[in-house]
Amino acid sequence: MPDRRHALLTIAAAALAGCGFRLRRPPTLNIATLQLVGFPARSPFTEELRRAIEASGSTRVVASAGQAQAVLEALEDSRDKTVAAQTSAGQVREFTLRTRLRFRLRTPGERVLIPDTELLLSRDMSYNETDALAKAEEEAMLYRAMQSDIVDQVMRRLAAVPAP
């Protein structure tokens, strides 16, 4: 029986290799050095974006515009939470969570590589007062997921930019 399992695993691995399956890799950027401007210094979003850029292997985040080949500039980075549904007694039953990032990519000489771009994500979340602590954790998890999605979208846009 173990020989049969081994044979099935080998066939499955060969099938995956033959279909072109590869693990997801960070996109390769055509920019050697990049400066981040307008992002909060030690926010989780900024740190995740910095890690994703560094993980590309082709780009290094630098501190000054003099060292940078391009500048990624945050124009707006915000989160908000609005009531989406209430009961007839006025109790909240659903929230809408939004994350918005407006940015542009330019050279230090002000040539625009990516014009002002807005990424807006929203998620609906049900709410119940008796589960307030669990709902707070769910809210934090949804914001983290939206943050990761925005970082992925920014990285795909950066990968599409030709070398300046």
Protein backbone atom coordinates (compact mmCIF):
# COMPACT_ATOMS: atom_id res chain seq x y z
CA MET A 1 0.00 0.00 0.00
CA PRO A 2 2.80 2.56 0.74
CA ASP A 3 4.22 1.91 -2.74
CA ARG A 4 0.87 2.79 -4.25
CA ARG A 5 0.69 6.06 -2.26
CA HIS A 6 4.23 6.93 -3.31
CA ALA A 7 3.34 6.27 -6.95
CA LEU A 8 0.23 8.48 -6.72
CA LEU A 9 2.21 11.31 -5.12
CA THR A 10 4.86 11.03 -7.82
CA ILE A 11 2.21 11.18 -10.56
CA ALA A 12 0.54 14.18 -8.91
CA ALA A 13 3.89 16.01 -8.61
CA ALA A 14 4.70 15.26 -12.25
CA ALA A 15 1.29 16.50 -13.36
CA LEU A 16 1.74 19.76 -11.46
CA ALA A 17 5.23 20.25 -12.87
CA GLY A 18 3.99 19.52 -16.38
CA CYS A 19 1.17 22.05 -16.23
CA GLY A 20 3.50 24.98 -15.52
CA PHE A 21 2.56 25.27 -11.85
CA ARG A 22 4.90 27.53 -9.89
CA LEU A 23 4.65 29.05 -6.47
CA ARG A 24 3.69 32.71 -6.48
CA ARG A 25 6.76 34.90 -6.58
CA PRO A 26 7.08 38.60 -5.95
CA PRO A 27 6.94 40.61 -9.18
CA THR A 28 10.24 41.82 -10.61
CA LEU A 29 10.46 45.60 -10.60
CA ASN A 30 12.38 47.60 -13.22
CA ILE A 31 13.44 50.18 -10.65
CA ALA A 32 16.73 49.71 -8.81
CA THR A 33 16.12 52.14 -5.93
CA LEU A 34 12.82 53.52 -4.63
CA GLN A 35 12.01 56.14 -2.02
CA LEU A 36 8.72 56.04 -0.09
CA VAL A 37 7.31 59.51 0.62
CA GLY A 38 4.17 60.45 2.53
CA PHE A 39 3.71 57.05 4.18
CA PRO A 40 3.52 56.93 7.98
CA ALA A 41 6.96 55.99 9.36
CA ARG A 42 6.24 52.74 11.19
CA SER A 43 2.71 51.82 10.15
CA PRO A 44 1.91 48.17 9.40
CA PHE A 45 0.99 49.15 5.84
CA THR A 46 4.31 50.89 5.21
CA GLU A 47 6.25 47.97 6.68
CA GLU A 48 4.36 45.42 4.55
CA LEU A 49 4.92 47.52 1.41
CA ARG A 50 8.64 47.91 2.22
CA ARG A 51 8.98 44.13 2.75
CA ALA A 52 7.20 43.40 -0.54
CA ILE A 53 9.46 45.80 -2.45
CA GLU A 54 12.60 44.37 -0.87
CA ALA A 55 11.34 40.80 -1.52
CA SER A 56 11.25 41.52 -5.25
CA GLY A 57 15.02 41.15 -5.15
CA SER A 58 15.46 43.80 -7.83
CA THR A 59 14.62 46.93 -5.85
CA ARG A 60 15.99 48.53 -2.71
CA VAL A 61 14.10 51.10 -0.61
CA VAL A 62 16.27 54.17 0.08
CA ALA A 63 15.83 57.13 2.41
CA SER A 64 16.73 60.09 0.19
CA ALA A 65 15.59 61.27 -3.22
CA GLY A 66 19.23 61.68 -4.24
CA GLN A 67 19.72 57.91 -4.06
CA ALA A 68 16.33 57.04 -5.57
CA GLN A 69 15.65 56.18 -9.17
CA ALA A 70 11.92 56.68 -8.49
CA VAL A 71 9.72 58.06 -5.70
CA LEU A 72 6.50 56.35 -4.59
CA GLU A 73 4.41 59.10 -3.06
CA ALA A 74 1.34 58.49 -0.87
CA LEU A 75 -1.25 61.19 -1.42
CA GLU A 76 -3.87 59.67 0.88
CA ASP A 77 -3.85 56.60 3.11
CA SER A 78 -7.06 56.21 5.09
CA ARG A 79 -9.46 53.76 6.68
CA ASP A 80 -13.05 54.36 7.61
CA LYS A 81 -15.98 52.51 9.07
CA THR A 82 -19.61 53.42 8.41
CA VAL A 83 -22.91 51.96 9.54
CA ALA A 84 -24.49 50.04 6.66
CA ALA A 85 -27.61 48.65 8.38
CA GLN A 86 -29.57 49.22 11.58
CA THR A 87 -32.55 47.62 13.26
CA SER A 88 -35.78 49.57 13.74
CA ALA A 89 -34.61 50.17 17.33
CA GLY A 90 -31.44 51.87 16.06
CA GLN A 91 -29.04 49.03 16.87
CA VAL A 92 -26.21 48.55 14.39
CA ARG A 93 -26.37 45.28 12.46
CA GLU A 94 -23.80 45.84 9.73
CA PHE A 95 -20.73 48.00 9.08
CA THR A 96 -18.90 48.82 5.88
CA LEU A 97 -15.12 48.98 6.27
CA ARG A 98 -13.10 50.89 3.66
CA THR A 99 -9.40 51.26 2.96
CA ARG A 100 -8.23 53.88 0.48
CA LEU A 101 -4.77 54.54 -0.93
CA ARG A 102 -4.03 57.32 -3.41
CA PHE A 103 -0.50 57.36 -4.75
CA ARG A 104 1.72 58.28 -7.66
CA LEU A 105 5.13 57.19 -8.88
CA ARG A 106 7.54 59.77 -10.20
CA THR A 107 11.21 60.27 -10.79
CA PRO A 108 13.14 62.64 -8.48
CA GLY A 109 13.06 65.05 -11.46
CA GLU A 110 9.22 65.09 -11.26
CA ARG A 111 8.56 62.98 -14.39
CA VAL A 112 5.37 61.01 -13.69
CA LEU A 113 5.67 57.25 -14.16
CA ILE A 114 2.28 56.32 -12.64
CA PRO A 115 -0.24 59.17 -12.47
CA ASP A 116 -2.42 59.72 -9.40
CA THR A 117 -4.04 56.36 -8.74
CA GLU A 118 -6.69 55.49 -6.18
CA LEU A 119 -7.16 52.00 -4.77
CA LEU A 120 -10.35 51.61 -2.74
CA LEU A 121 -11.42 48.39 -1.07
CA SER A 122 -14.51 47.82 1.04
CA ARG A 123 -15.86 44.92 3.05
CA ASP A 124 -19.19 44.48 4.79
CA MET A 125 -19.19 43.07 8.29
CA SER A 126 -22.20 41.98 10.33
CA TYR A 127 -22.31 43.17 13.93
CA ASN A 128 -23.84 41.92 17.15
CA GLU A 129 -23.36 43.67 20.50
CA THR A 130 -23.05 40.37 22.36
CA ASP A 131 -20.01 39.43 20.24
CA ALA A 132 -18.28 42.81 20.44
CA LEU A 133 -14.79 41.43 21.20
CA ALA A 134 -14.95 38.84 18.42
CA LYS A 135 -16.25 41.48 16.00
CA ALA A 136 -13.35 43.79 16.90
CA GLU A 137 -10.95 40.97 16.03
CA GLU A 138 -12.83 40.30 12.79
CA GLU A 139 -12.60 44.00 11.91
CA ALA A 140 -8.82 44.00 12.48
CA MET A 141 -8.48 40.85 10.36
CA LEU A 142 -10.52 42.39 7.50
CA TYR A 143 -8.39 45.56 7.57
CA ARG A 144 -5.18 43.45 7.46
CA ALA A 145 -6.54 41.47 4.49
CA MET A 146 -7.46 44.68 2.64
CA GLN A 147 -4.01 46.10 3.42
CA SER A 148 -2.32 43.02 1.94
CA ASP A 149 -4.54 43.23 -1.14
CA ILE A 150 -3.61 46.89 -1.68
CA VAL A 151 0.10 46.07 -1.30
CA ASP A 152 -0.29 43.34 -3.94
CA GLN A 153 -2.05 45.77 -6.29
CA VAL A 154 0.64 48.42 -5.81
CA MET A 155 3.35 45.83 -6.52
CA ARG A 156 1.63 44.74 -9.75
CA ARG A 157 1.42 48.37 -10.87
CA LEU A 158 5.09 48.96 -10.01
CA ALA A 159 6.07 45.83 -11.97
CA ALA A 160 4.35 47.22 -15.07
CA VAL A 161 6.48 50.38 -15.05
CA PRO A 162 9.39 50.37 -17.53
CA ALA A 163 12.84 51.36 -16.25
CA PRO A 164 12.99 55.16 -15.85
